[in-house]
Amino acid sequence: MGAYVSLSEYNGKEGMILLSELSRRRIRSVNKLIRVGRSEC
């Protein structure tokens, strides 16, 4: 399980980030960590 992302610095290439790479702690809800449409610089 994980999150699919679009990497703007690589011309929109898509990739998947596994839950274990998002946090070292137990994740109950991925939606609390990441949000659809949010852009990070």
Protein backbone atom coordinates (compact mmCIF):
# COMPACT_ATOMS: atom_id res chain seq x y z
CA MET A 1 0.00 0.00 0.00
CA GLY A 2 1.19 3.51 -0.68
CA ALA A 3 0.59 6.76 -2.49
CA TYR A 4 0.95 7.53 -6.19
CA VAL A 5 2.66 10.84 -6.90
CA SER A 6 3.46 12.99 -9.92
CA LEU A 7 6.97 14.48 -9.88
CA SER A 8 6.88 17.92 -11.49
CA GLU A 9 10.69 18.27 -11.44
CA TYR A 10 10.86 15.19 -13.70
CA ASN A 11 8.32 16.38 -16.30
CA GLY A 12 5.35 14.83 -14.51
CA LYS A 13 6.76 11.30 -14.15
CA GLU A 14 4.58 9.23 -11.86
CA GLY A 15 5.77 7.01 -9.05
CA MET A 16 4.62 5.23 -5.92
CA ILE A 17 5.77 5.94 -2.38
CA LEU A 18 5.34 3.00 -0.01
CA LEU A 19 3.75 3.58 3.41
CA SER A 20 6.95 2.46 5.11
CA GLU A 21 8.78 5.33 3.37
CA LEU A 22 6.24 7.97 4.44
CA SER A 23 6.72 7.49 8.18
CA ARG A 24 8.55 5.30 10.68
CA ARG A 25 5.48 5.25 12.92
CA ARG A 26 2.30 3.29 12.32
CA ILE A 27 0.04 5.04 9.81
CA ARG A 28 -3.68 4.71 10.43
CA SER A 29 -4.75 6.94 7.56
CA VAL A 30 -2.68 7.92 4.54
CA ASN A 31 -5.11 10.80 3.95
CA LYS A 32 -3.86 12.52 7.12
CA LEU A 33 -0.28 12.57 5.78
CA ILE A 34 -0.90 13.42 2.14
CA ARG A 35 -3.73 15.14 0.31
CA VAL A 36 -4.91 14.82 -3.27
CA GLY A 37 -3.83 17.81 -5.33
CA ARG A 38 -1.36 19.20 -2.78
CA SER A 39 1.86 20.50 -4.28
CA GLU A 40 5.18 20.56 -2.41
CA CYS A 41 8.05 22.77 -3.54
